[in-house]
């Protein structure tokens, strides 16, 4: 593991990309395999899975430590946006 990489809490040793969190993770794969009407279900399913994923993953850092979560967006190899959140062990 290195700085800047997130790992799936469910799979443990798999990098958590958007594709992994929304499609490839075994935790959500069964949902996609059982969907019959993709056109009607796609937007609601993506929103629900992403909401659930973001609700479940945040764990506070160990006492006395801080956690920095960051992300960026790019197009054609050029950075166009970035942001981050710093959290303390008491949730501040």
Protein backbone atom coordinates (compact mmCIF):
# COMPACT_ATOMS: atom_id res chain seq x y z
CA UNK A 1 0.00 0.00 0.00
CA UNK A 2 1.23 3.50 -0.72
CA UNK A 3 0.06 7.04 -0.17
CA UNK A 4 -2.74 7.96 -2.53
CA UNK A 5 -4.19 4.47 -2.93
CA UNK A 6 -7.37 3.28 -1.26
CA UNK A 7 -7.99 -0.40 -0.60
CA UNK A 8 -11.39 -2.09 -0.52
CA UNK A 9 -12.41 -2.79 3.09
CA UNK A 10 -14.36 -5.87 1.98
CA UNK A 11 -11.75 -7.43 -0.34
CA UNK A 12 -8.73 -6.23 1.64
CA UNK A 13 -5.98 -6.40 -0.98
CA UNK A 14 -7.75 -4.87 -3.99
CA UNK A 15 -7.33 -1.22 -4.93
CA UNK A 16 -10.67 0.54 -4.54
CA UNK A 17 -11.36 2.20 -7.86
CA UNK A 18 -14.80 3.46 -8.84
CA UNK A 19 -15.20 0.42 -11.11
CA UNK A 20 -14.33 -1.91 -8.23
CA UNK A 21 -16.71 -0.19 -5.79
CA UNK A 22 -19.59 -0.04 -8.27
CA UNK A 23 -19.17 -3.29 -10.25
CA UNK A 24 -16.30 -5.66 -9.47
CA UNK A 25 -16.49 -5.97 -5.67
CA UNK A 26 -18.09 -9.33 -4.79
CA UNK A 27 -20.25 -7.50 -2.25
CA UNK A 28 -22.17 -5.70 -5.03
CA UNK A 29 -21.59 -8.12 -7.91
CA UNK A 30 -24.58 -10.28 -6.95
CA UNK A 31 -26.83 -7.23 -7.22
CA UNK A 32 -25.74 -6.59 -10.82
CA UNK A 33 -26.15 -10.25 -11.76
CA UNK A 34 -29.77 -10.23 -10.59
CA UNK A 35 -30.94 -7.00 -12.22
CA UNK A 36 -33.46 -7.52 -15.00
CA UNK A 37 -34.38 -4.01 -16.16
CA UNK A 38 -31.04 -2.19 -16.46
CA UNK A 39 -32.43 0.93 -18.09
CA UNK A 40 -34.81 1.69 -15.23
CA UNK A 41 -32.49 0.58 -12.45
CA UNK A 42 -29.04 1.95 -13.36
CA UNK A 43 -29.15 5.46 -11.89
CA UNK A 44 -30.89 4.44 -8.66
CA UNK A 45 -28.54 1.50 -8.14
CA UNK A 46 -25.38 3.56 -8.69
CA UNK A 47 -26.60 6.27 -6.34
CA UNK A 48 -27.61 3.76 -3.66
CA UNK A 49 -24.36 1.81 -3.85
CA UNK A 50 -22.21 4.94 -3.75
CA UNK A 51 -24.23 6.35 -0.82
CA UNK A 52 -23.93 3.05 1.06
CA UNK A 53 -20.22 2.77 0.27
CA UNK A 54 -19.46 6.29 1.54
CA UNK A 55 -21.59 5.72 4.64
CA UNK A 56 -19.85 2.46 5.55
CA UNK A 57 -16.18 3.22 4.85
CA UNK A 58 -15.15 6.15 7.06
CA UNK A 59 -13.23 4.87 10.05
CA UNK A 60 -11.57 7.36 12.38
CA UNK A 61 -7.78 7.17 12.61
CA UNK A 62 -6.07 5.81 15.73
CA UNK A 63 -6.00 8.03 18.79
CA UNK A 64 -3.52 10.87 18.33
CA UNK A 65 -3.39 10.48 14.54
CA UNK A 66 -5.09 12.34 11.68
CA UNK A 67 -6.38 11.02 8.36
CA UNK A 68 -6.19 12.88 5.07
CA UNK A 69 -8.61 11.81 2.34
CA UNK A 70 -7.98 13.43 -1.01
CA UNK A 71 -9.11 13.12 -4.59
CA UNK A 72 -8.43 14.77 -7.91
CA UNK A 73 -9.93 14.93 -11.36
CA UNK A 74 -8.08 15.13 -14.64
CA UNK A 75 -8.70 15.21 -18.34
CA UNK A 76 -6.14 14.39 -21.01
CA UNK A 77 -3.48 13.97 -18.34
CA UNK A 78 -3.93 17.50 -16.98
CA UNK A 79 -5.15 18.06 -13.43
CA UNK A 80 -8.35 20.10 -13.39
CA UNK A 81 -9.50 19.84 -9.77
CA UNK A 82 -8.59 18.49 -6.37
CA UNK A 83 -9.83 18.50 -2.80
CA UNK A 84 -9.36 16.85 0.54
CA UNK A 85 -10.65 16.33 4.06
CA UNK A 86 -8.52 16.07 7.20
CA UNK A 87 -10.07 14.19 10.15
CA UNK A 88 -8.81 13.76 13.67
CA UNK A 89 -9.25 10.69 15.85
CA UNK A 90 -12.16 12.35 17.71
CA UNK A 91 -14.05 13.19 14.51
CA UNK A 92 -13.01 16.85 14.34
